[in-house]
Structures are given as structure tokens and as C-alpha cells.
Amino acid sequence: MSVLVLALALGAACCLGFGFVLQQNAAQRAPLSDFLSFRLLIDLVKVPRWLGGIALMVVGMGLGAAALGQGELSLVEPLLATNLLFALALSRKQTRQPLGRQGWAGLFLLAGGVTAFIVAGRPEGGAATADPVRQWLIIGVMIGLALLLTTHGKRSRLSSGPVLLALAAGLLYGVQDALTRVSGQKAADGGFAELLTGWEPYAVLALGVTGLVLVQSAFETASLRKSLPALT
């Protein structure tokens, strides 16, 4: 495993985790009438703390894209998942609330799972080209599941809704990261001209904005400890 890839991925996870905490701090004060609406983003963009969280997330996504460009998706993604560790550490310092046995158990399971996957699984790259039918099938299933979860989450926004919305956003962000990897390869092979003629960068943007609305709606209606693990 490259030290550069490790540093980029963990740096991205740190920025993402801290950014999520700032976003949740701001989103929980937003009016509930903005739930699952693009108006929520319009309201939040006026809050400096939220903008700071978005800035950290953008930096994290940039570092994550660099890591994905240098390393394999199956290696980088588990490292990015450690953003939960950084987020809960900062959230605990802010609220001064103990994580409890369940919280600590979850953190150790995440850290242990990532370590075991990388060390024992030895993830390696797959084929250079993918079957288009298989690719579209996977994308369709992920987006379909996200839509189904969002529909159910909208009906139960104050009970299980935040977890379902965060899970839906996590599915979309997973597809987004995979397409980011593809976009990086296209840019490296054919330059930005070839990149801009493909559909992938526009799909990355659309998935990012949609996922952002879902995440902020989850943050608006639940604590970070309830919503972020599902997203991660």
C-alpha cells in the first residue's frame, strides 16, 4: 500500500468527518418545512458554520479523488469510511457526552473491519474495462434502492427517516466515488476534453447535489450518532 494513498485517504476522511459535524450543527437548526427540499440548501448557505463544513467536505472530496486516482477503489473506500471516527471524536468534544459502550463498540468494529479488510483481504484492481450491461445494472440497482429508501424515509422523518435518508445518500455517494474514479482515469488518458464529452462528470455532480439534500435532511432531524453511521 502506497504511503501517499494512505495519507490522502486518511486526510480526506479527517476533512469529511469534521465537515459533517459542522454541517449537522447548522442543519439541526434549519426549519423542518425545508425537509427534503432544495430550499434547505438555500437556507443553509447563509450559515457560516455550514459553509465551513462544506468547504472541509470539498477538500475531503478532492483528497479522496486524488487517492482514488492513485490507488484502488477497494482500498481507498474502506479508508474513507474512517471519517466516522473523526466525526464522532469531534462531536464528543463539542457535546461532552460520552459515547457509551455501544458507541465505542461501533468505533472499534469499524476500525477493526477496515484493518482486517485491507490486511487480510488484500484488495486489488479488477479488469481495466467493465461490461456496460453490468455497470448500468449496478448503477440502476443502487439508485433504485436510494429512491425506495428516500420514499420510506419521507413518510417517517422523525422516527426511522433520518437513518433511511442517510443510507440512501450513502448509496449515491458510493456510486459517485466509483464514477469519480472512472472520470479520473478518463482525464488521465484523454485529457479534460475527453472527460467533458462523457456523461460521468455530470452524473458525479447530480449525485453529489442529490446526496447533499438527503444528508442535510437527515442531519436536520436526527443527531450525528444516529445519521452518520448509516451514511458511512
Protein backbone atom coordinates (compact mmCIF):
# COMPACT_ATOMS: atom_id res chain seq x y z
CA MET A 1 0.00 0.00 0.00
CA SER A 2 1.40 3.38 -1.02
CA VAL A 3 2.11 5.81 1.82
CA LEU A 4 0.80 8.60 -0.41
CA VAL A 5 -2.53 6.83 -0.94
CA LEU A 6 -2.80 6.18 2.81
CA ALA A 7 -2.06 9.83 3.64
CA LEU A 8 -4.50 11.15 1.03
CA ALA A 9 -7.30 8.79 2.09
CA LEU A 10 -6.93 9.47 5.82
CA GLY A 11 -6.61 13.21 5.18
CA ALA A 12 -9.83 13.02 3.17
CA ALA A 13 -11.54 11.06 5.95
CA CYS A 14 -10.49 13.65 8.54
CA CYS A 15 -11.81 16.57 6.46
CA LEU A 16 -15.05 14.74 5.68
CA GLY A 17 -15.63 13.79 9.31
CA PHE A 18 -15.04 17.30 10.66
CA GLY A 19 -17.10 18.75 7.82
CA PHE A 20 -20.06 16.51 8.63
CA VAL A 21 -20.01 17.69 12.26
CA LEU A 22 -20.17 21.36 11.24
CA GLN A 23 -22.93 20.64 8.73
CA GLN A 24 -25.03 18.80 11.30
CA ASN A 25 -24.57 21.63 13.81
CA ALA A 26 -26.13 24.03 11.29
CA ALA A 27 -28.72 21.70 9.74
CA GLN A 28 -30.35 20.82 13.06
CA ARG A 29 -31.38 24.48 13.40
CA ALA A 30 -32.97 24.68 9.94
CA PRO A 31 -36.80 24.88 9.65
CA LEU A 32 -38.50 21.49 9.28
CA SER A 33 -40.52 22.89 6.38
CA ASP A 34 -37.34 22.60 4.29
CA PHE A 35 -37.16 18.82 4.82
CA LEU A 36 -36.11 17.03 1.59
CA SER A 37 -36.27 20.29 -0.36
CA PHE A 38 -33.59 22.20 -2.24
CA ARG A 39 -34.74 25.19 -0.17
CA LEU A 40 -32.83 23.58 2.69
CA LEU A 41 -29.55 24.19 0.86
CA ILE A 42 -30.58 27.77 0.08
CA ASP A 43 -31.23 28.42 3.78
CA LEU A 44 -28.08 26.67 4.95
CA VAL A 45 -25.80 28.53 2.53
CA LYS A 46 -26.44 31.63 4.68
CA VAL A 47 -24.92 29.94 7.76
CA PRO A 48 -21.11 30.40 8.08
CA ARG A 49 -20.68 27.19 10.09
CA TRP A 50 -22.38 25.17 7.36
CA LEU A 51 -20.24 26.80 4.68
CA GLY A 52 -17.18 25.85 6.71
CA GLY A 53 -18.42 22.27 6.84
CA ILE A 54 -19.00 22.25 3.08
CA ALA A 55 -15.52 23.69 2.49
CA LEU A 56 -14.00 20.87 4.55
CA MET A 57 -16.11 18.34 2.66
CA VAL A 58 -14.95 19.74 -0.69
CA VAL A 59 -11.32 19.49 0.44
CA GLY A 60 -12.00 15.94 1.63
CA MET A 61 -13.60 15.03 -1.69
CA GLY A 62 -10.61 16.49 -3.52
CA LEU A 63 -8.18 14.47 -1.41
CA GLY A 64 -10.41 11.42 -1.85
CA ALA A 65 -10.41 11.89 -5.63
CA ALA A 66 -6.62 12.12 -5.58
CA ALA A 67 -6.45 8.94 -3.51
CA LEU A 68 -8.83 7.19 -5.89
CA GLY A 69 -6.63 8.29 -8.79
CA GLN A 70 -3.51 6.83 -7.15
CA GLY A 71 -4.95 3.70 -5.53
CA GLU A 72 -7.61 1.06 -5.99
CA LEU A 73 -11.24 1.78 -5.16
CA SER A 74 -11.41 -1.33 -2.97
CA LEU A 75 -8.52 0.02 -0.88
CA VAL A 76 -9.41 3.71 -0.69
CA GLU A 77 -13.12 3.35 0.16
CA PRO A 78 -12.57 1.49 3.48
CA LEU A 79 -10.07 4.17 4.50
CA LEU A 80 -12.55 6.92 3.62
CA ALA A 81 -15.09 5.19 5.87
CA THR A 82 -12.94 6.11 8.87
CA ASN A 83 -14.42 9.63 8.60
CA LEU A 84 -16.88 8.33 11.21
CA LEU A 85 -14.05 8.06 13.74
CA PHE A 86 -13.01 11.68 13.22
CA ALA A 87 -16.62 12.93 13.23
CA LEU A 88 -17.61 11.22 16.47
CA ALA A 89 -14.39 12.33 18.16
CA LEU A 90 -15.10 16.00 17.36
CA SER A 91 -18.80 15.63 18.17
CA ARG A 92 -17.97 14.11 21.55
CA LYS A 93 -15.64 17.01 22.33
CA GLN A 94 -18.33 19.53 21.40
CA THR A 95 -21.21 17.94 23.28
CA ARG A 96 -19.13 16.45 26.12
CA GLN A 97 -21.43 13.44 26.01
CA PRO A 98 -19.82 10.01 26.44
CA LEU A 99 -20.12 7.59 23.55
CA GLY A 100 -21.17 4.74 25.80
CA ARG A 101 -20.45 1.07 25.27
CA GLN A 102 -22.40 0.88 22.02
CA GLY A 103 -20.60 3.91 20.60
CA TRP A 104 -17.14 2.62 21.46
CA ALA A 105 -18.05 -0.87 20.24
CA GLY A 106 -19.13 0.60 16.91
CA LEU A 107 -15.90 2.55 16.53
CA PHE A 108 -13.76 -0.49 17.31
CA LEU A 109 -15.79 -2.60 14.88
CA LEU A 110 -15.31 -0.03 12.13
CA ALA A 111 -11.58 0.35 12.76
CA GLY A 112 -11.09 -3.41 13.09
CA GLY A 113 -13.16 -4.11 9.99
CA VAL A 114 -11.21 -1.67 7.85
CA THR A 115 -7.89 -3.06 9.10
CA ALA A 116 -8.96 -6.67 8.57
CA PHE A 117 -10.28 -5.94 5.08
CA ILE A 118 -7.07 -4.25 3.96
CA VAL A 119 -4.63 -6.68 5.62
CA ALA A 120 -6.45 -9.99 5.10
CA GLY A 121 -8.45 -9.14 2.00
CA ARG A 122 -5.50 -7.67 0.08
CA PRO A 123 -7.76 -5.71 -2.31
CA GLU A 124 -6.51 -5.44 -5.86
CA GLY A 125 -7.74 -3.80 -9.03
CA GLY A 126 -10.14 -5.56 -11.35
CA ALA A 127 -10.29 -5.58 -15.11
CA ALA A 128 -9.36 -2.43 -16.99
CA THR A 129 -12.77 -2.37 -18.70
CA ALA A 130 -16.18 -3.28 -17.33
CA ASP A 131 -19.18 -4.88 -19.01
CA PRO A 132 -21.52 -1.94 -19.83
CA VAL A 133 -24.63 -4.00 -19.04
CA ARG A 134 -23.26 -4.98 -15.65
CA GLN A 135 -22.20 -1.38 -14.98
CA TRP A 136 -25.66 0.05 -15.73
CA LEU A 137 -27.32 -2.75 -13.77
CA ILE A 138 -25.28 -1.91 -10.66
CA ILE A 139 -25.91 1.83 -11.03
CA GLY A 140 -29.63 1.22 -11.57
CA VAL A 141 -29.93 -1.02 -8.53
CA MET A 142 -28.10 1.47 -6.29
CA ILE A 143 -30.15 4.46 -7.43
CA GLY A 144 -33.37 2.41 -7.25
CA LEU A 145 -32.62 1.39 -3.67
CA ALA A 146 -31.80 5.00 -2.77
CA LEU A 147 -35.15 6.13 -4.22
CA LEU A 148 -37.00 3.43 -2.29
CA LEU A 149 -35.28 4.36 0.97
CA THR A 150 -35.97 8.06 0.39
CA THR A 151 -39.66 7.36 -0.18
CA HIS A 152 -39.94 5.44 3.10
CA GLY A 153 -37.77 7.98 4.91
CA LYS A 154 -40.04 10.83 3.87
CA ARG A 155 -43.02 9.09 5.49
CA SER A 156 -41.26 8.57 8.82
CA ARG A 157 -38.96 11.56 9.04
CA LEU A 158 -38.95 11.80 12.83
CA SER A 159 -38.52 8.09 13.58
CA SER A 160 -36.53 5.88 11.20
CA GLY A 161 -36.47 8.51 8.45
CA PRO A 162 -33.01 10.01 9.17
CA VAL A 163 -31.33 6.60 9.09
CA LEU A 164 -33.06 5.67 5.82
CA LEU A 165 -32.16 9.01 4.21
CA ALA A 166 -28.53 8.73 5.33
CA LEU A 167 -28.37 5.20 3.96
CA ALA A 168 -29.84 6.39 0.64
CA ALA A 169 -27.23 9.16 0.48
CA GLY A 170 -24.51 6.62 1.25
CA LEU A 171 -25.59 4.52 -1.74
CA LEU A 172 -25.49 7.57 -4.01
CA TYR A 173 -22.10 8.63 -2.68
CA GLY A 174 -20.78 5.11 -3.32
CA VAL A 175 -21.81 5.38 -6.98
CA GLN A 176 -20.39 8.90 -7.07
CA ASP A 177 -16.99 7.70 -5.82
CA ALA A 178 -16.89 4.92 -8.39
CA LEU A 179 -17.70 7.38 -11.19
CA THR A 180 -15.09 9.78 -9.78
CA ARG A 181 -12.54 7.02 -10.20
CA VAL A 182 -13.67 6.47 -13.81
CA SER A 183 -13.60 10.22 -14.52
CA GLY A 184 -10.06 10.46 -13.16
CA GLN A 185 -8.93 7.66 -15.43
CA LYS A 186 -10.55 9.34 -18.45
CA ALA A 187 -8.89 12.67 -17.66
CA ALA A 188 -5.52 10.95 -17.27
CA ASP A 189 -5.86 9.04 -20.54
CA GLY A 190 -7.51 11.60 -22.82
CA GLY A 191 -7.35 14.94 -21.04
CA PHE A 192 -10.18 17.20 -19.93
CA ALA A 193 -11.62 17.41 -23.44
CA GLU A 194 -12.47 13.70 -23.40
CA LEU A 195 -13.64 13.95 -19.79
CA LEU A 196 -16.17 16.70 -20.57
CA THR A 197 -17.62 14.80 -23.52
CA GLY A 198 -18.55 11.85 -21.30
CA TRP A 199 -21.57 11.55 -19.02
CA GLU A 200 -19.67 10.58 -15.89
CA PRO A 201 -18.66 14.04 -14.54
CA TYR A 202 -22.22 15.32 -14.89
CA ALA A 203 -23.54 12.24 -13.10
CA VAL A 204 -20.99 12.87 -10.32
CA LEU A 205 -22.35 16.43 -9.93
CA ALA A 206 -26.01 15.33 -9.95
CA LEU A 207 -25.39 12.55 -7.44
CA GLY A 208 -23.43 14.91 -5.21
CA VAL A 209 -26.18 17.55 -5.05
CA THR A 210 -28.93 14.97 -4.53
CA GLY A 211 -26.94 13.20 -1.84
CA LEU A 212 -26.29 16.55 -0.16
CA VAL A 213 -30.04 17.25 0.15
CA LEU A 214 -30.60 13.79 1.64
CA VAL A 215 -27.73 14.14 4.10
CA GLN A 216 -28.74 17.60 5.30
CA SER A 217 -32.34 16.43 5.75
CA ALA A 218 -31.07 13.51 7.86
CA PHE A 219 -28.85 15.86 9.88
CA GLU A 220 -31.80 18.21 10.34
CA THR A 221 -34.00 15.60 12.01
CA ALA A 222 -31.54 13.44 13.98
CA SER A 223 -28.31 13.56 15.93
CA LEU A 224 -24.99 12.81 14.26
CA ARG A 225 -24.71 9.49 16.09
CA LYS A 226 -27.98 8.35 14.51
CA SER A 227 -27.46 9.53 10.95
CA LEU A 228 -23.73 9.43 10.15
CA PRO A 229 -23.08 5.69 10.74
CA ALA A 230 -25.75 4.84 8.16
CA LEU A 231 -24.23 7.30 5.70
CA THR A 232 -20.74 5.88 6.24
